[in-house]
Amino acid sequence: MKKLLLPVIMIAIAITACTKEGATEGGSENKPDTTVTTNPVAGADSVVTFQDINVGWSPNSSVYGRVFSSKSGTVYLDSNIPDSMGKYIDLAFNYLGSIQMNFLSANDASFDLSISGARTTLVRNYVPADTFALSAFDTLTHAVTLQKLYVTNDDNNFGATDLPLLVFFKNADGKKGIVKVKSIASDHIIADVKVQY
């Protein structure tokens, strides 16, 4: 009986290891500028974290994309959005100058890129510091906190001098998330994202 138990345990460990690897959001297809730091466990209280996302603002850039999917953990170039991913694009970035930029839904009429299958995301670009602190974002690990967020389209903008700041969103699947816009470079912004699994 003991001789049979050891092979069964070895097989169970191998299956568990494969399952954990497959549970990592984005898998091995993550772009080098996107790091998944949370290995999510399926459940209502799980959070997926993406760090150092680079989001560009120039249309048709060959370096930085303007739309982000929390399903794949990828920022897509304007010219490289697979038709199958359109419905999973959560956010688009709109840059009208260093004092006027915002996130919006990828199917928003004011966004200059047409994305096949894009669905509506609600985006709240202005979140007062007393509503949700930057430090609270850094320690956020439970999706129940995200679920409590009030998210509605506010059509607000922010500027480089406002950074760092938080942006709330709720995607078409009802999952809520927060973008922490950390800094701005010469042709892109750098952000972290936390979203319900």
N, C-alpha and C. Protein backbone atom coordinates (compact mmCIF):
# COMPACT_ATOMS: atom_id res chain seq x y z
N MET A 1 0.82 -1.20 0.00
CA MET A 1 0.00 0.00 0.00
C MET A 1 0.87 1.26 0.00
N LYS A 2 1.97 1.23 0.78
CA LYS A 2 2.85 2.39 0.84
C LYS A 2 3.52 2.64 -0.50
N LYS A 3 3.81 1.58 -1.25
CA LYS A 3 4.45 1.73 -2.55
C LYS A 3 3.54 2.46 -3.54
N LEU A 4 2.25 2.31 -3.43
CA LEU A 4 1.29 2.99 -4.31
C LEU A 4 1.06 4.43 -3.90
N LEU A 5 1.19 4.72 -2.62
CA LEU A 5 0.92 6.06 -2.11
C LEU A 5 1.93 7.09 -2.63
N LEU A 6 3.20 6.73 -2.69
CA LEU A 6 4.23 7.66 -3.13
C LEU A 6 4.01 8.14 -4.57
N PRO A 7 3.75 7.28 -5.55
CA PRO A 7 3.48 7.78 -6.92
C PRO A 7 2.25 8.67 -7.00
N VAL A 8 1.23 8.37 -6.22
CA VAL A 8 0.01 9.19 -6.23
C VAL A 8 0.31 10.58 -5.70
N ILE A 9 1.11 10.69 -4.66
CA ILE A 9 1.48 11.99 -4.09
C ILE A 9 2.32 12.78 -5.10
N MET A 10 3.25 12.12 -5.79
CA MET A 10 4.09 12.79 -6.78
C MET A 10 3.26 13.36 -7.93
N ILE A 11 2.27 12.60 -8.38
CA ILE A 11 1.40 13.07 -9.46
C ILE A 11 0.58 14.26 -8.98
N ALA A 12 0.07 14.21 -7.77
CA ALA A 12 -0.72 15.32 -7.21
C ALA A 12 0.11 16.59 -7.12
N ILE A 13 1.37 16.48 -6.71
CA ILE A 13 2.25 17.65 -6.63
C ILE A 13 2.49 18.24 -8.02
N ALA A 14 2.71 17.40 -9.00
CA ALA A 14 2.95 17.87 -10.37
C ALA A 14 1.74 18.60 -10.93
N ILE A 15 0.55 18.07 -10.69
CA ILE A 15 -0.68 18.72 -11.17
C ILE A 15 -0.87 20.05 -10.49
N THR A 16 -0.62 20.12 -9.18
CA THR A 16 -0.77 21.37 -8.43
C THR A 16 0.19 22.42 -8.95
N ALA A 17 1.42 22.05 -9.23
CA ALA A 17 2.41 23.01 -9.73
C ALA A 17 1.98 23.57 -11.08
N CYS A 18 1.48 22.72 -11.97
CA CYS A 18 1.01 23.18 -13.28
C CYS A 18 -0.19 24.10 -13.14
N THR A 19 -1.10 23.79 -12.23
CA THR A 19 -2.29 24.61 -12.02
C THR A 19 -1.91 25.99 -11.52
N LYS A 20 -0.96 26.07 -10.58
CA LYS A 20 -0.54 27.37 -10.06
C LYS A 20 0.11 28.21 -11.14
N GLU A 21 0.93 27.60 -12.00
CA GLU A 21 1.57 28.33 -13.07
C GLU A 21 0.53 28.87 -14.03
N GLY A 22 -0.47 28.07 -14.35
CA GLY A 22 -1.52 28.49 -15.28
C GLY A 22 -2.42 29.55 -14.71
N ALA A 23 -2.46 29.69 -13.37
CA ALA A 23 -3.34 30.67 -12.74
C ALA A 23 -2.76 32.07 -12.79
N THR A 24 -1.49 32.22 -13.13
CA THR A 24 -0.89 33.54 -13.19
C THR A 24 -1.50 34.31 -14.34
N GLU A 25 -2.14 35.42 -14.03
CA GLU A 25 -2.81 36.23 -15.05
C GLU A 25 -1.80 36.69 -16.07
N GLY A 26 -2.07 36.44 -17.33
CA GLY A 26 -1.18 36.86 -18.39
C GLY A 26 -0.19 35.78 -18.76
N GLY A 27 0.05 34.82 -17.88
CA GLY A 27 0.95 33.71 -18.16
C GLY A 27 2.30 34.15 -18.68
N SER A 28 2.86 33.41 -19.59
CA SER A 28 4.19 33.72 -20.11
C SER A 28 4.14 34.75 -21.23
N GLU A 29 2.97 35.25 -21.55
CA GLU A 29 2.83 36.22 -22.63
C GLU A 29 2.96 37.66 -22.15
N ASN A 30 3.30 37.89 -20.87
CA ASN A 30 3.44 39.25 -20.36
C ASN A 30 4.52 39.99 -21.13
N LYS A 31 4.30 41.24 -21.39
CA LYS A 31 5.29 42.07 -22.04
C LYS A 31 6.38 42.41 -21.03
N PRO A 32 7.60 42.70 -21.48
CA PRO A 32 8.69 42.96 -20.55
C PRO A 32 8.44 44.17 -19.67
N ASP A 33 7.59 45.10 -20.10
CA ASP A 33 7.35 46.29 -19.30
C ASP A 33 6.18 46.10 -18.33
N THR A 34 5.64 44.91 -18.24
CA THR A 34 4.52 44.64 -17.35
C THR A 34 4.89 43.47 -16.45
N THR A 35 4.79 43.68 -15.16
CA THR A 35 5.12 42.62 -14.22
C THR A 35 3.89 42.26 -13.41
N VAL A 36 3.53 40.99 -13.43
CA VAL A 36 2.44 40.52 -12.58
C VAL A 36 3.07 40.14 -11.25
N THR A 37 2.67 40.82 -10.18
CA THR A 37 3.30 40.56 -8.89
C THR A 37 2.43 39.75 -7.96
N THR A 38 1.18 39.56 -8.30
CA THR A 38 0.31 38.77 -7.47
C THR A 38 -0.06 37.50 -8.21
N ASN A 39 0.13 36.37 -7.57
CA ASN A 39 -0.30 35.10 -8.15
C ASN A 39 -1.71 34.87 -7.64
N PRO A 40 -2.74 35.18 -8.44
CA PRO A 40 -4.10 35.15 -7.92
C PRO A 40 -4.58 33.74 -7.63
N VAL A 41 -5.42 33.66 -6.64
CA VAL A 41 -6.11 32.43 -6.33
C VAL A 41 -7.58 32.70 -6.64
N ALA A 42 -8.19 31.85 -7.44
CA ALA A 42 -9.57 32.08 -7.85
C ALA A 42 -10.45 32.26 -6.63
N GLY A 43 -11.28 33.28 -6.66
CA GLY A 43 -12.18 33.54 -5.55
C GLY A 43 -12.62 34.98 -5.56
N ALA A 44 -13.67 35.24 -4.84
CA ALA A 44 -14.28 36.57 -4.85
C ALA A 44 -13.38 37.63 -4.24
N ASP A 45 -12.39 37.24 -3.43
CA ASP A 45 -11.58 38.25 -2.74
C ASP A 45 -10.15 38.32 -3.28
N SER A 46 -9.94 37.93 -4.52
CA SER A 46 -8.59 37.93 -5.10
C SER A 46 -8.33 39.21 -5.88
N VAL A 47 -7.07 39.65 -5.86
CA VAL A 47 -6.65 40.84 -6.57
C VAL A 47 -5.46 40.49 -7.46
N VAL A 48 -5.46 41.01 -8.69
CA VAL A 48 -4.33 40.85 -9.59
C VAL A 48 -3.63 42.21 -9.66
N THR A 49 -2.31 42.19 -9.55
CA THR A 49 -1.52 43.41 -9.56
C THR A 49 -0.58 43.42 -10.76
N PHE A 50 -0.56 44.54 -11.47
CA PHE A 50 0.37 44.75 -12.58
C PHE A 50 1.22 45.96 -12.22
N GLN A 51 2.53 45.81 -12.28
CA GLN A 51 3.41 46.91 -11.90
C GLN A 51 4.17 47.46 -13.10
N ASP A 52 4.43 48.77 -13.01
CA ASP A 52 5.24 49.46 -14.01
C ASP A 52 4.73 49.27 -15.42
N ILE A 53 3.45 49.52 -15.58
CA ILE A 53 2.82 49.51 -16.90
C ILE A 53 3.22 50.81 -17.61
N ASN A 54 3.71 50.70 -18.82
CA ASN A 54 4.06 51.89 -19.62
C ASN A 54 2.96 52.14 -20.64
N VAL A 55 2.29 53.27 -20.51
CA VAL A 55 1.18 53.62 -21.40
C VAL A 55 1.56 54.88 -22.17
N GLY A 56 1.61 54.77 -23.48
CA GLY A 56 2.00 55.91 -24.32
C GLY A 56 0.84 56.83 -24.63
N TRP A 57 1.17 57.94 -25.24
CA TRP A 57 0.10 58.87 -25.61
C TRP A 57 0.11 59.25 -27.09
N SER A 58 1.11 58.83 -27.81
CA SER A 58 1.17 59.18 -29.23
C SER A 58 0.45 58.13 -30.07
N PRO A 59 -0.50 58.56 -30.89
CA PRO A 59 -1.17 57.61 -31.78
C PRO A 59 -0.16 56.91 -32.69
N ASN A 60 -0.38 55.63 -32.91
CA ASN A 60 0.44 54.82 -33.81
C ASN A 60 1.92 54.72 -33.42
N SER A 61 2.22 54.87 -32.13
CA SER A 61 3.59 54.69 -31.67
C SER A 61 4.00 53.23 -31.89
N SER A 62 5.26 53.03 -32.22
CA SER A 62 5.77 51.66 -32.39
C SER A 62 6.40 51.15 -31.10
N VAL A 63 6.38 51.98 -30.05
CA VAL A 63 7.01 51.62 -28.78
C VAL A 63 6.00 51.43 -27.66
N TYR A 64 5.10 52.40 -27.48
CA TYR A 64 4.16 52.36 -26.36
C TYR A 64 2.72 52.36 -26.85
N GLY A 65 1.93 51.45 -26.31
CA GLY A 65 0.52 51.38 -26.64
C GLY A 65 -0.30 52.31 -25.77
N ARG A 66 -1.56 52.49 -26.17
CA ARG A 66 -2.46 53.40 -25.44
C ARG A 66 -3.65 52.71 -24.80
N VAL A 67 -3.80 51.41 -25.02
CA VAL A 67 -4.95 50.70 -24.44
C VAL A 67 -4.46 49.51 -23.62
N PHE A 68 -5.18 49.24 -22.52
CA PHE A 68 -4.75 48.22 -21.55
C PHE A 68 -5.86 47.22 -21.29
N SER A 69 -5.48 45.96 -21.19
CA SER A 69 -6.40 44.88 -20.82
C SER A 69 -5.92 44.24 -19.53
N SER A 70 -6.79 44.22 -18.52
CA SER A 70 -6.41 43.54 -17.27
C SER A 70 -6.55 42.03 -17.41
N LYS A 71 -7.22 41.58 -18.46
CA LYS A 71 -7.32 40.13 -18.68
C LYS A 71 -5.99 39.55 -19.13
N SER A 72 -5.32 40.26 -20.03
CA SER A 72 -4.02 39.79 -20.53
C SER A 72 -2.85 40.46 -19.82
N GLY A 73 -3.12 41.58 -19.15
CA GLY A 73 -2.03 42.33 -18.50
C GLY A 73 -1.16 43.05 -19.49
N THR A 74 -1.72 43.38 -20.65
CA THR A 74 -0.94 43.93 -21.75
C THR A 74 -1.42 45.32 -22.15
N VAL A 75 -0.46 46.18 -22.45
CA VAL A 75 -0.74 47.46 -23.10
C VAL A 75 -0.50 47.22 -24.59
N TYR A 76 -1.53 47.42 -25.40
CA TYR A 76 -1.44 47.11 -26.82
C TYR A 76 -1.11 48.34 -27.66
N LEU A 77 -0.23 48.13 -28.64
CA LEU A 77 0.04 49.17 -29.63
C LEU A 77 -1.21 49.39 -30.47
N ASP A 78 -1.41 50.61 -30.96
CA ASP A 78 -2.57 50.91 -31.79
C ASP A 78 -2.69 49.93 -32.96
N SER A 79 -1.55 49.56 -33.54
CA SER A 79 -1.54 48.72 -34.73
C SER A 79 -1.53 47.22 -34.42
N ASN A 80 -1.58 46.87 -33.14
CA ASN A 80 -1.41 45.46 -32.79
C ASN A 80 -2.43 44.98 -31.75
N ILE A 81 -3.69 45.37 -31.93
CA ILE A 81 -4.75 44.92 -31.03
C ILE A 81 -5.48 43.77 -31.71
N PRO A 82 -5.33 42.56 -31.20
CA PRO A 82 -6.02 41.43 -31.84
C PRO A 82 -7.54 41.62 -31.76
N ASP A 83 -8.24 41.28 -32.83
CA ASP A 83 -9.70 41.41 -32.84
C ASP A 83 -10.33 40.65 -31.68
N SER A 84 -9.73 39.54 -31.31
CA SER A 84 -10.28 38.73 -30.22
C SER A 84 -10.12 39.40 -28.86
N MET A 85 -9.26 40.41 -28.76
CA MET A 85 -9.01 41.08 -27.47
C MET A 85 -9.83 42.34 -27.29
N GLY A 86 -10.46 42.84 -28.34
CA GLY A 86 -11.20 44.10 -28.24
C GLY A 86 -12.16 44.15 -27.08
N LYS A 87 -12.89 43.07 -26.84
CA LYS A 87 -13.88 43.05 -25.75
C LYS A 87 -13.23 43.02 -24.38
N TYR A 88 -11.92 42.79 -24.31
CA TYR A 88 -11.21 42.75 -23.04
C TYR A 88 -10.37 43.99 -22.76
N ILE A 89 -10.45 44.98 -23.65
CA ILE A 89 -9.71 46.22 -23.42
C ILE A 89 -10.47 47.03 -22.37
N ASP A 90 -9.84 47.24 -21.22
CA ASP A 90 -10.49 47.95 -20.12
C ASP A 90 -10.35 49.46 -20.23
N LEU A 91 -9.17 49.91 -20.59
CA LEU A 91 -8.87 51.34 -20.52
C LEU A 91 -8.14 51.83 -21.76
N ALA A 92 -8.44 53.07 -22.12
CA ALA A 92 -7.70 53.77 -23.16
C ALA A 92 -7.14 55.03 -22.52
N PHE A 93 -5.99 55.49 -23.00
CA PHE A 93 -5.36 56.69 -22.45
C PHE A 93 -5.42 57.79 -23.48
N ASN A 94 -5.90 58.94 -23.02
CA ASN A 94 -6.10 60.10 -23.89
C ASN A 94 -5.19 61.22 -23.40
N TYR A 95 -4.29 61.67 -24.26
CA TYR A 95 -3.32 62.70 -23.89
C TYR A 95 -3.53 63.93 -24.77
N LEU A 96 -3.88 65.05 -24.10
CA LEU A 96 -4.07 66.30 -24.84
C LEU A 96 -3.06 67.35 -24.40
N GLY A 97 -2.04 66.92 -23.69
CA GLY A 97 -1.01 67.81 -23.17
C GLY A 97 -0.72 67.46 -21.72
N SER A 98 0.39 67.98 -21.20
CA SER A 98 0.82 67.60 -19.86
C SER A 98 -0.13 68.06 -18.75
N ILE A 99 -1.05 68.96 -19.09
CA ILE A 99 -2.02 69.39 -18.08
C ILE A 99 -3.42 68.84 -18.34
N GLN A 100 -3.57 68.07 -19.40
CA GLN A 100 -4.88 67.53 -19.73
C GLN A 100 -4.77 66.12 -20.32
N MET A 101 -4.87 65.13 -19.42
CA MET A 101 -4.85 63.73 -19.83
C MET A 101 -5.86 62.97 -18.99
N ASN A 102 -6.31 61.84 -19.51
CA ASN A 102 -7.27 61.03 -18.76
C ASN A 102 -7.35 59.62 -19.31
N PHE A 103 -7.94 58.76 -18.50
CA PHE A 103 -8.29 57.42 -18.95
C PHE A 103 -9.76 57.44 -19.33
N LEU A 104 -10.13 56.61 -20.27
CA LEU A 104 -11.53 56.52 -20.68
C LEU A 104 -11.80 55.14 -21.24
N SER A 105 -13.05 54.88 -21.52
CA SER A 105 -13.45 53.61 -22.10
C SER A 105 -12.92 53.52 -23.53
N ALA A 106 -12.50 52.34 -23.94
CA ALA A 106 -11.94 52.17 -25.29
C ALA A 106 -12.95 52.44 -26.38
N ASN A 107 -14.25 52.39 -26.05
CA ASN A 107 -15.28 52.67 -27.06
C ASN A 107 -15.84 54.08 -26.94
N ASP A 108 -15.19 54.94 -26.17
CA ASP A 108 -15.63 56.32 -26.01
C ASP A 108 -15.50 57.07 -27.34
N ALA A 109 -16.52 57.85 -27.67
CA ALA A 109 -16.53 58.57 -28.96
C ALA A 109 -15.38 59.56 -29.10
N SER A 110 -14.84 60.03 -27.98
CA SER A 110 -13.76 61.01 -28.05
C SER A 110 -12.38 60.37 -28.25
N PHE A 111 -12.31 59.04 -28.15
CA PHE A 111 -11.03 58.35 -28.37
C PHE A 111 -10.85 58.14 -29.87
N ASP A 112 -9.67 58.45 -30.38
CA ASP A 112 -9.43 58.48 -31.82
C ASP A 112 -9.10 57.13 -32.45
N LEU A 113 -9.31 56.04 -31.73
CA LEU A 113 -9.00 54.72 -32.25
C LEU A 113 -10.24 53.84 -32.16
N SER A 114 -10.60 53.20 -33.25
CA SER A 114 -11.74 52.30 -33.26
C SER A 114 -11.26 50.88 -32.95
N ILE A 115 -11.80 50.29 -31.89
CA ILE A 115 -11.38 48.96 -31.46
C ILE A 115 -12.55 48.00 -31.62
N SER A 116 -12.35 47.01 -32.45
CA SER A 116 -13.40 46.03 -32.73
C SER A 116 -13.81 45.29 -31.46
N GLY A 117 -15.10 45.33 -31.15
CA GLY A 117 -15.64 44.60 -30.01
C GLY A 117 -15.48 45.29 -28.67
N ALA A 118 -14.93 46.50 -28.65
CA ALA A 118 -14.70 47.20 -27.38
C ALA A 118 -16.03 47.43 -26.65
N ARG A 119 -15.99 47.24 -25.34
CA ARG A 119 -17.18 47.43 -24.50
C ARG A 119 -16.94 48.58 -23.53
N THR A 120 -17.99 48.98 -22.85
CA THR A 120 -17.93 50.16 -22.00
C THR A 120 -17.30 49.90 -20.63
N THR A 121 -16.34 50.74 -20.29
CA THR A 121 -15.74 50.78 -18.97
C THR A 121 -16.07 52.12 -18.35
N LEU A 122 -16.48 52.11 -17.09
CA LEU A 122 -16.69 53.36 -16.36
C LEU A 122 -15.36 53.79 -15.77
N VAL A 123 -15.03 55.09 -15.88
CA VAL A 123 -13.74 55.58 -15.41
C VAL A 123 -13.93 56.85 -14.58
N ARG A 124 -13.36 56.82 -13.39
CA ARG A 124 -13.38 57.98 -12.50
C ARG A 124 -11.95 58.51 -12.38
N ASN A 125 -11.64 59.57 -13.12
CA ASN A 125 -10.29 60.12 -13.17
C ASN A 125 -9.94 60.99 -11.98
N TYR A 126 -10.94 61.53 -11.31
CA TYR A 126 -10.66 62.38 -10.15
C TYR A 126 -11.12 61.67 -8.89
N VAL A 127 -10.17 61.26 -8.08
CA VAL A 127 -10.45 60.60 -6.80
C VAL A 127 -9.78 61.43 -5.71
N PRO A 128 -10.56 62.16 -4.90
CA PRO A 128 -9.96 62.97 -3.83
C PRO A 128 -9.12 62.12 -2.89
N ALA A 129 -8.04 62.70 -2.38
CA ALA A 129 -7.12 61.98 -1.50
C ALA A 129 -7.81 61.44 -0.26
N ASP A 130 -8.86 62.14 0.21
CA ASP A 130 -9.55 61.65 1.41
C ASP A 130 -10.55 60.53 1.09
N THR A 131 -10.74 60.22 -0.20
CA THR A 131 -11.61 59.11 -0.60
C THR A 131 -10.85 57.79 -0.57
N PHE A 132 -9.63 57.81 -1.08
CA PHE A 132 -8.81 56.61 -1.11
C PHE A 132 -7.35 57.06 -1.18
N ALA A 133 -6.58 56.76 -0.17
CA ALA A 133 -5.19 57.23 -0.07
C ALA A 133 -4.26 56.41 -0.97
N LEU A 134 -3.21 57.06 -1.45
CA LEU A 134 -2.20 56.37 -2.25
C LEU A 134 -1.59 55.21 -1.46
N SER A 135 -1.35 55.41 -0.18
CA SER A 135 -0.76 54.36 0.65
C SER A 135 -1.71 53.16 0.77
N ALA A 136 -3.02 53.41 0.71
CA ALA A 136 -4.00 52.32 0.78
C ALA A 136 -3.91 51.46 -0.48
N PHE A 137 -3.60 52.08 -1.60
CA PHE A 137 -3.41 51.31 -2.84
C PHE A 137 -2.25 50.34 -2.69
N ASP A 138 -1.16 50.83 -2.13
CA ASP A 138 0.05 50.01 -2.03
C ASP A 138 -0.15 48.77 -1.17
N THR A 139 -1.02 48.86 -0.18
CA THR A 139 -1.24 47.72 0.73
C THR A 139 -2.50 46.92 0.39
N LEU A 140 -3.20 47.29 -0.67
CA LEU A 140 -4.44 46.63 -1.06
C LEU A 140 -4.20 45.20 -1.52
N THR A 141 -4.85 44.23 -0.86
CA THR A 141 -4.71 42.83 -1.25
C THR A 141 -6.04 42.09 -1.33
N HIS A 142 -7.14 42.75 -0.93
CA HIS A 142 -8.44 42.08 -0.92
C HIS A 142 -9.41 42.77 -1.88
N ALA A 143 -10.03 41.99 -2.74
CA ALA A 143 -10.96 42.52 -3.74
C ALA A 143 -12.21 43.11 -3.11
N VAL A 144 -12.53 42.71 -1.89
CA VAL A 144 -13.71 43.28 -1.24
C VAL A 144 -13.56 44.80 -1.12
N THR A 145 -12.33 45.27 -0.96
CA THR A 145 -12.08 46.72 -0.91
C THR A 145 -12.39 47.36 -2.26
N LEU A 146 -11.97 46.70 -3.34
CA LEU A 146 -12.27 47.22 -4.68
C LEU A 146 -13.77 47.23 -4.94
N GLN A 147 -14.46 46.20 -4.51
CA GLN A 147 -15.90 46.09 -4.75
C GLN A 147 -16.66 47.26 -4.14
N LYS A 148 -16.13 47.84 -3.07
CA LYS A 148 -16.81 48.94 -2.38
C LYS A 148 -16.61 50.30 -3.05
N LEU A 149 -15.73 50.37 -4.04
CA LEU A 149 -15.43 51.65 -4.69
C LEU A 149 -16.65 52.21 -5.42
N TYR A 150 -16.80 53.52 -5.36
CA TYR A 150 -17.82 54.20 -6.15
C TYR A 150 -17.18 54.58 -7.48
N VAL A 151 -17.68 54.01 -8.56
CA VAL A 151 -17.10 54.25 -9.88
C VAL A 151 -18.18 54.74 -10.83
N THR A 152 -17.96 55.91 -11.40
CA THR A 152 -18.86 56.45 -12.41
C THR A 152 -18.01 57.31 -13.36
N ASN A 153 -18.46 57.48 -14.58
CA ASN A 153 -17.73 58.36 -15.51
C ASN A 153 -17.79 59.78 -14.97
N ASP A 154 -16.62 60.40 -14.86
CA ASP A 154 -16.61 61.78 -14.36
C ASP A 154 -16.08 62.78 -15.38
N ASP A 155 -15.54 62.30 -16.51
CA ASP A 155 -15.04 63.16 -17.58
C ASP A 155 -14.02 64.19 -17.09
N ASN A 156 -13.30 63.87 -16.03
CA ASN A 156 -12.27 64.77 -15.52
C ASN A 156 -10.92 64.46 -16.16
N ASN A 157 -10.02 65.40 -16.02
CA ASN A 157 -8.66 65.27 -16.51
C ASN A 157 -7.69 65.42 -15.35
N PHE A 158 -6.46 65.05 -15.59
CA PHE A 158 -5.41 65.32 -14.61
C PHE A 158 -4.17 65.77 -15.36
N GLY A 159 -3.24 66.35 -14.61
CA GLY A 159 -2.01 66.85 -15.22
C GLY A 159 -0.79 66.26 -14.56
N ALA A 160 0.36 66.53 -15.16
CA ALA A 160 1.62 65.99 -14.65
C ALA A 160 1.88 66.45 -13.22
N THR A 161 1.45 67.65 -12.88
CA THR A 161 1.70 68.15 -11.53
C THR A 161 0.82 67.47 -10.48
N ASP A 162 -0.21 66.75 -10.91
CA ASP A 162 -1.10 66.05 -9.98
C ASP A 162 -0.54 64.68 -9.55
N LEU A 163 0.48 64.20 -10.23
CA LEU A 163 0.99 62.85 -9.98
C LEU A 163 1.82 62.78 -8.71
N PRO A 164 1.78 61.64 -8.03
CA PRO A 164 1.02 60.43 -8.32
C PRO A 164 -0.45 60.60 -7.96
N LEU A 165 -1.31 59.83 -8.60
CA LEU A 165 -2.75 59.89 -8.33
C LEU A 165 -3.40 58.55 -8.65
N LEU A 166 -4.65 58.41 -8.21
CA LEU A 166 -5.41 57.18 -8.44
C LEU A 166 -6.57 57.43 -9.38
N VAL A 167 -6.87 56.43 -10.21
CA VAL A 167 -8.02 56.44 -11.11
C VAL A 167 -8.79 55.15 -10.87
N PHE A 168 -10.09 55.27 -10.64
CA PHE A 168 -10.94 54.08 -10.45
C PHE A 168 -11.56 53.67 -11.79
N PHE A 169 -11.80 52.37 -11.96
CA PHE A 169 -12.52 51.93 -13.15
C PHE A 169 -13.35 50.68 -12.83
N LYS A 170 -14.36 50.48 -13.66
CA LYS A 170 -15.20 49.28 -13.58
C LYS A 170 -15.40 48.80 -15.01
N ASN A 171 -14.89 47.61 -15.32
CA ASN A 171 -14.94 47.15 -16.71
C ASN A 171 -16.30 46.55 -17.06
N ALA A 172 -16.45 46.14 -18.30
CA ALA A 172 -17.73 45.64 -18.81
C ALA A 172 -18.17 44.35 -18.12
N ASP A 173 -17.23 43.63 -17.52
CA ASP A 173 -17.56 42.41 -16.79
C ASP A 173 -17.91 42.69 -15.33
N GLY A 174 -17.92 43.97 -14.96
CA GLY A 174 -18.28 44.34 -13.60
C GLY A 174 -17.12 44.30 -12.62
N LYS A 175 -15.91 44.04 -13.10
CA LYS A 175 -14.75 44.01 -12.21
C LYS A 175 -14.21 45.41 -12.02
N LYS A 176 -13.95 45.74 -10.75
CA LYS A 176 -13.44 47.07 -10.43
C LYS A 176 -11.94 47.03 -10.22
N GLY A 177 -11.31 48.17 -10.51
CA GLY A 177 -9.87 48.25 -10.34
C GLY A 177 -9.43 49.67 -10.09
N ILE A 178 -8.15 49.80 -9.79
CA ILE A 178 -7.54 51.11 -9.55
C ILE A 178 -6.25 51.19 -10.35
N VAL A 179 -6.06 52.32 -11.00
CA VAL A 179 -4.79 52.63 -11.65
C VAL A 179 -4.08 53.65 -10.77
N LYS A 180 -2.85 53.36 -10.42
CA LYS A 180 -2.02 54.35 -9.72
C LYS A 180 -1.05 54.90 -10.75
N VAL A 181 -1.30 56.13 -11.19
CA VAL A 181 -0.40 56.78 -12.15
C VAL A 181 0.75 57.35 -11.33
N LYS A 182 1.94 56.77 -11.53
CA LYS A 182 3.08 57.11 -10.67
C LYS A 182 3.90 58.27 -11.20
N SER A 183 4.16 58.27 -12.50
CA SER A 183 5.02 59.31 -13.05
C SER A 183 4.80 59.44 -14.55
N ILE A 184 5.43 60.47 -15.08
CA ILE A 184 5.30 60.74 -16.50
C ILE A 184 6.70 60.86 -17.10
N ALA A 185 6.89 60.26 -18.27
CA ALA A 185 8.17 60.36 -18.99
C ALA A 185 7.94 61.20 -20.24
N SER A 186 8.92 61.20 -21.14
CA SER A 186 8.82 62.08 -22.31
C SER A 186 7.73 61.67 -23.28
N ASP A 187 7.35 60.38 -23.30
CA ASP A 187 6.34 59.93 -24.25
C ASP A 187 5.39 58.89 -23.69
N HIS A 188 5.36 58.72 -22.37
CA HIS A 188 4.45 57.76 -21.76
C HIS A 188 4.31 58.03 -20.25
N ILE A 189 3.31 57.38 -19.67
CA ILE A 189 3.16 57.42 -18.22
C ILE A 189 3.51 56.04 -17.67
N ILE A 190 3.82 56.00 -16.39
CA ILE A 190 4.16 54.74 -15.72
C ILE A 190 3.14 54.55 -14.61
N ALA A 191 2.51 53.37 -14.59
CA ALA A 191 1.41 53.13 -13.65
C ALA A 191 1.45 51.72 -13.11
N ASP A 192 0.78 51.54 -11.97
CA ASP A 192 0.48 50.22 -11.42
C ASP A 192 -1.03 50.04 -11.49
N VAL A 193 -1.48 48.82 -11.64
CA VAL A 193 -2.92 48.54 -11.71
C VAL A 193 -3.25 47.38 -10.78
N LYS A 194 -4.33 47.54 -10.02
CA LYS A 194 -4.88 46.44 -9.23
C LYS A 194 -6.33 46.26 -9.63
N VAL A 195 -6.74 45.01 -9.85
CA VAL A 195 -8.09 44.74 -10.33
C VAL A 195 -8.58 43.43 -9.72
N GLN A 196 -9.89 43.32 -9.59
CA GLN A 196 -10.48 42.09 -9.11
C GLN A 196 -10.15 40.94 -10.06
N TYR A 197 -9.87 39.79 -9.51
CA TYR A 197 -9.55 38.61 -10.31
C TYR A 197 -10.79 38.04 -10.95
